[in-house]
Amino acid sequence: MKSQLRKMWIDSIRRQVKNCKSQKSTFKLQAPKRPTLVQWITYAWFGLSEAIITNGFAKCKIVHQDKALDETVETTTDRPVNEDPRNRTADVASARLTDLCRQTHNTTGAA
C-alpha cells in the first residue's frame, strides 16, 4: 500500500515539475489536497488482497490469526457484470471490516 501511495506522490511531483518547466516559472511544490489523498488511499486500498488486509488485522491483534485465515466473506450483489470492479472490491472490504469490527466487539466483551 505504501509503495502505491509513494508512486502516486512521485507522479504528482513529476507533473508539477513538468508544468513548471512548460510555464517557465519558479518551482514551488504543492501538497496534494485532501480529496486527492483520499482518492490515492482508496486506490491503494483496492489494490490489496483480502488476505493481506485480514492478516494485517491479525498482526495488529484486531482479530485472532486463526480466524483471519479461516473465515471468508460472502457477499451477494445484483450488479451488472460490466460495472466497475472496484465497487465489488469495496463491498468485500466493507463486509470484511464490518465482520472484523463485530469480532473485536464480541471478543473484548464490549456491550
Protein backbone atom coordinates (compact mmCIF):
# COMPACT_ATOMS: atom_id res chain seq x y z
CA MET A 1 0.00 0.00 0.00
CA LYS A 2 2.80 2.40 0.91
CA SER A 3 4.56 1.75 -2.37
CA GLN A 4 1.38 2.58 -4.30
CA LEU A 5 0.93 5.81 -2.33
CA ARG A 6 4.58 6.70 -2.89
CA LYS A 7 4.19 6.09 -6.64
CA MET A 8 1.17 8.40 -6.81
CA TRP A 9 3.03 11.09 -4.85
CA ILE A 10 6.06 10.86 -7.16
CA ASP A 11 3.79 11.03 -10.21
CA SER A 12 2.23 14.17 -8.76
CA ILE A 13 5.65 15.75 -8.22
CA ARG A 14 6.70 14.88 -11.78
CA ARG A 15 3.56 16.51 -13.18
CA GLN A 16 4.24 19.64 -11.12
CA VAL A 17 7.84 19.84 -12.34
CA LYS A 18 6.75 19.30 -15.95
CA ASN A 19 4.07 22.02 -15.67
CA CYS A 20 6.57 24.39 -14.07
CA LYS A 21 9.07 23.87 -16.89
CA SER A 22 6.43 24.44 -19.55
CA GLN A 23 5.35 27.69 -17.86
CA LYS A 24 8.98 28.71 -17.25
CA SER A 25 8.24 29.72 -13.69
CA THR A 26 9.89 29.05 -10.34
CA PHE A 27 9.06 25.62 -8.99
CA LYS A 28 7.04 25.50 -5.79
CA LEU A 29 6.00 22.06 -4.60
CA GLN A 30 2.28 21.86 -3.85
CA ALA A 31 0.99 19.30 -1.37
CA PRO A 32 -1.93 17.23 -2.61
CA LYS A 33 -5.37 18.33 -1.48
CA ARG A 34 -7.34 16.12 0.90
CA PRO A 35 -9.73 14.79 -1.76
CA THR A 36 -6.71 13.76 -3.82
CA LEU A 37 -5.16 11.98 -0.84
CA VAL A 38 -8.42 10.18 -0.13
CA GLN A 39 -8.56 9.07 -3.76
CA TRP A 40 -4.96 7.81 -3.60
CA ILE A 41 -5.64 5.87 -0.39
CA THR A 42 -8.81 4.41 -1.88
CA TYR A 43 -7.00 3.18 -5.00
CA ALA A 44 -4.15 1.77 -2.91
CA TRP A 45 -6.63 0.02 -0.58
CA PHE A 46 -8.45 -1.57 -3.52
CA GLY A 47 -5.14 -2.92 -4.74
CA LEU A 48 -4.74 -5.07 -1.63
CA SER A 49 -6.00 -8.63 -1.50
CA GLU A 50 -8.42 -9.69 1.20
CA ALA A 51 -5.75 -11.98 2.65
CA ILE A 52 -3.31 -9.08 3.08
CA ILE A 53 -5.95 -6.97 4.81
CA THR A 54 -7.12 -9.81 7.05
CA ASN A 55 -3.61 -10.85 8.02
CA GLY A 56 -2.72 -7.22 8.69
CA PHE A 57 -5.60 -7.01 11.16
CA ALA A 58 -4.44 -10.28 12.73
CA LYS A 59 -0.87 -8.98 13.04
CA CYS A 60 -2.21 -5.91 14.86
CA LYS A 61 -4.19 -8.29 17.10
CA ILE A 62 -7.50 -6.84 15.97
CA VAL A 63 -8.62 -10.42 15.19
CA HIS A 64 -7.09 -13.77 16.04
CA GLN A 65 -4.79 -15.24 13.40
CA ASP A 66 -6.78 -18.49 13.08
CA LYS A 67 -9.97 -16.54 12.41
CA ALA A 68 -8.18 -14.34 9.91
CA LEU A 69 -7.05 -17.33 7.87
CA ASP A 70 -10.19 -19.46 8.11
CA GLU A 71 -13.01 -17.02 7.56
CA THR A 72 -14.23 -15.88 4.18
CA VAL A 73 -16.58 -13.12 3.21
CA GLU A 74 -19.65 -13.94 1.24
CA THR A 75 -21.46 -11.11 -0.46
CA THR A 76 -24.26 -11.07 -2.94
CA THR A 77 -24.82 -8.34 -5.44
CA ASP A 78 -27.28 -7.70 -8.22
CA ARG A 79 -24.86 -5.51 -10.13
CA PRO A 80 -24.33 -5.73 -13.86
CA VAL A 81 -21.21 -7.64 -14.91
CA ASN A 82 -19.72 -4.62 -16.69
CA GLU A 83 -19.81 -2.38 -13.61
CA ASP A 84 -16.55 -1.05 -12.19
CA PRO A 85 -14.83 -3.93 -10.31
CA ARG A 86 -13.65 -1.52 -7.63
CA ASN A 87 -17.25 -1.33 -6.43
CA ARG A 88 -17.24 -5.09 -5.84
CA THR A 89 -13.93 -4.79 -4.01
CA ALA A 90 -15.38 -2.03 -1.88
CA ASP A 91 -18.32 -4.28 -0.97
CA VAL A 92 -15.99 -7.11 0.03
CA ALA A 93 -13.72 -4.78 2.02
CA SER A 94 -16.70 -3.17 3.72
CA ALA A 95 -18.24 -6.53 4.60
CA ARG A 96 -14.91 -7.81 5.91
CA LEU A 97 -14.30 -4.72 8.02
CA THR A 98 -17.81 -4.99 9.44
CA ASP A 99 -17.15 -8.63 10.36
CA LEU A 100 -13.81 -7.74 11.93
CA CYS A 101 -15.41 -4.99 14.00
CA ARG A 102 -18.10 -7.39 15.21
CA GLN A 103 -15.48 -9.99 16.13
CA THR A 104 -13.46 -7.41 18.02
CA HIS A 105 -16.59 -6.18 19.75
CA ASN A 106 -17.50 -9.75 20.77
CA THR A 107 -14.01 -10.76 21.95
CA THR A 108 -13.48 -7.64 24.04
CA GLY A 109 -16.79 -8.11 25.82
CA ALA A 110 -17.99 -4.65 24.86
CA ALA A 111 -21.69 -4.11 25.09
